[in-house]
């Protein structure tokens, strides 16, 4: 959206954001943080599990809901192993998001495919185990 001074303005609602994304998809390429094997561009299903990866670490989260306020997408998530509720906030104008989300089902399918090829049971590879320090 443009203001009278030709600067980009922030959409005021999630509906405006969706409309702006549809009108100007190139402007929002950096918001494609949900990665899936089937290359779907749709919004992930609530309740779906994703491996969140950031420069500081990773974890398995279930997506509960999404909201939009003041230029930020706010994701309500549940950390799967602890069932702890957390929020992740994403500035729609930040060209370098701090986190990407990889659909957990796709990770499991890749490991299972490799297990079938090698005839070795590597299901342990799918366990996110905390070390002694809780990391």
Protein backbone atom coordinates (compact mmCIF):
# COMPACT_ATOMS: atom_id res chain seq x y z
CA UNK A 1 0.00 0.00 0.00
CA UNK A 2 1.22 3.52 -0.75
CA UNK A 3 0.72 6.65 1.27
CA UNK A 4 0.35 10.12 -0.21
CA UNK A 5 4.11 10.61 0.10
CA UNK A 6 4.76 7.51 -2.06
CA UNK A 7 6.08 5.53 0.92
CA UNK A 8 4.93 2.02 1.74
CA UNK A 9 2.41 1.92 4.54
CA UNK A 10 1.60 -1.03 6.74
CA UNK A 11 -1.70 -2.78 6.15
CA UNK A 12 -4.04 -2.16 9.08
CA UNK A 13 -5.61 -5.62 9.25
CA UNK A 14 -4.86 -9.20 8.28
CA UNK A 15 -7.41 -8.86 5.45
CA UNK A 16 -5.56 -5.81 4.08
CA UNK A 17 -2.26 -7.69 4.39
CA UNK A 18 -3.64 -10.66 2.42
CA UNK A 19 -5.00 -8.31 -0.26
CA UNK A 20 -1.66 -6.50 -0.49
CA UNK A 21 0.21 -9.82 -0.74
CA UNK A 22 -2.11 -10.90 -3.57
CA UNK A 23 -1.59 -7.59 -5.41
CA UNK A 24 2.18 -7.39 -4.81
CA UNK A 25 3.55 -10.93 -4.26
CA UNK A 26 7.14 -9.88 -5.02
CA UNK A 27 7.05 -7.36 -2.20
CA UNK A 28 6.36 -10.15 0.31
CA UNK A 29 8.62 -12.98 -0.92
CA UNK A 30 10.51 -12.84 2.39
CA UNK A 31 7.33 -13.91 4.22
CA UNK A 32 7.50 -17.39 2.70
CA UNK A 33 8.86 -18.86 5.92
CA UNK A 34 6.75 -22.03 5.88
CA UNK A 35 8.56 -24.62 3.79
CA UNK A 36 6.90 -27.77 2.49
CA UNK A 37 7.95 -30.57 0.19
CA UNK A 38 4.90 -30.05 -2.03
CA UNK A 39 5.93 -26.39 -2.51
CA UNK A 40 2.52 -25.17 -1.45
CA UNK A 41 2.22 -21.43 -0.97
CA UNK A 42 -0.87 -21.68 1.20
CA UNK A 43 -1.17 -20.91 4.86
CA UNK A 44 -0.29 -23.93 7.00
CA UNK A 45 -3.09 -25.77 8.73
CA UNK A 46 -3.56 -24.91 12.37
CA UNK A 47 -2.52 -27.88 14.48
CA UNK A 48 0.19 -28.82 11.98
CA UNK A 49 3.71 -29.40 13.36
CA UNK A 50 6.75 -27.54 12.04
CA UNK A 51 10.46 -27.68 12.79
CA UNK A 52 11.39 -24.07 13.57
CA UNK A 53 15.00 -23.28 12.62
CA UNK A 54 16.83 -20.10 13.59
CA UNK A 55 20.51 -19.12 13.90
CA UNK A 56 20.33 -19.87 17.63
CA UNK A 57 18.69 -23.31 17.46
CA UNK A 58 15.65 -25.32 16.47
CA UNK A 59 12.55 -26.90 17.96
CA UNK A 60 9.33 -28.65 17.09
CA UNK A 61 6.20 -26.48 17.29
CA UNK A 62 2.49 -26.84 16.58
CA UNK A 63 0.84 -23.81 14.99
CA UNK A 64 -2.28 -22.76 16.90
CA UNK A 65 -3.23 -19.44 15.35
CA UNK A 66 -2.01 -16.39 13.46
CA UNK A 67 -2.83 -12.72 13.94
CA UNK A 68 -1.68 -9.41 12.50
CA UNK A 69 -1.09 -6.22 14.51
CA UNK A 70 0.90 -3.06 13.78
CA UNK A 71 2.88 -4.47 10.87
CA UNK A 72 3.68 -7.77 12.60
CA UNK A 73 2.41 -11.31 12.04
CA UNK A 74 2.00 -12.97 15.42
CA UNK A 75 2.04 -16.76 15.53
CA UNK A 76 0.72 -18.58 18.58
CA UNK A 77 2.64 -21.84 18.86
CA UNK A 78 2.96 -24.79 21.23
CA UNK A 79 6.38 -26.34 21.84
CA UNK A 80 5.57 -30.01 21.26
CA UNK A 81 7.82 -31.72 23.85
CA UNK A 82 6.85 -29.42 26.75
CA UNK A 83 3.37 -28.35 25.61
CA UNK A 84 4.48 -24.78 26.44
CA UNK A 85 2.67 -21.95 24.64
CA UNK A 86 4.93 -19.42 22.90
CA UNK A 87 4.54 -16.57 20.44
CA UNK A 88 6.67 -15.71 17.44
CA UNK A 89 6.40 -12.23 15.98
CA UNK A 90 7.44 -11.41 12.41
CA UNK A 91 7.81 -7.87 11.07
CA UNK A 92 6.26 -7.95 7.58
CA UNK A 93 8.85 -5.45 6.32
CA UNK A 94 11.92 -7.30 7.64
CA UNK A 95 13.58 -8.77 4.56
CA UNK A 96 15.52 -11.31 6.69
CA UNK A 97 13.22 -13.23 9.05
CA UNK A 98 15.01 -14.82 12.01
CA UNK A 99 13.22 -18.16 11.70
CA UNK A 100 11.91 -20.56 9.07
CA UNK A 101 9.43 -23.36 9.63
CA UNK A 102 9.83 -26.75 7.90
CA UNK A 103 6.80 -29.03 7.91
CA UNK A 104 7.61 -31.90 10.29
CA UNK A 105 5.68 -34.42 8.21
CA UNK A 106 8.10 -33.78 5.32
CA UNK A 107 11.15 -34.27 7.55
CA UNK A 108 9.73 -37.58 8.80
CA UNK A 109 8.95 -38.72 5.25
CA UNK A 110 12.53 -37.99 4.15
CA UNK A 111 13.95 -40.03 7.04
CA UNK A 112 11.50 -42.89 6.49
CA UNK A 113 12.37 -42.95 2.77
CA UNK A 114 16.06 -43.23 3.64
CA UNK A 115 15.32 -45.96 6.21
CA UNK A 116 13.46 -47.96 3.57
CA UNK A 117 16.35 -47.61 1.12
CA UNK A 118 18.97 -48.66 3.68
CA UNK A 119 16.82 -51.26 5.45
CA UNK A 120 18.04 -49.84 8.75
CA UNK A 121 15.69 -48.60 11.45
CA UNK A 122 16.82 -45.02 12.00
CA UNK A 123 13.62 -43.74 13.62
CA UNK A 124 15.78 -42.37 16.46
CA UNK A 125 16.92 -39.70 14.01
CA UNK A 126 13.51 -38.09 14.40
CA UNK A 127 13.76 -37.61 18.14
CA UNK A 128 14.63 -34.11 19.30
CA UNK A 129 16.52 -34.96 22.46
CA UNK A 130 17.55 -32.31 24.95
CA UNK A 131 21.09 -32.53 26.27
CA UNK A 132 21.97 -32.42 29.97
CA UNK A 133 21.88 -28.61 29.96
CA UNK A 134 18.31 -28.49 28.59
CA UNK A 135 19.43 -27.28 25.17
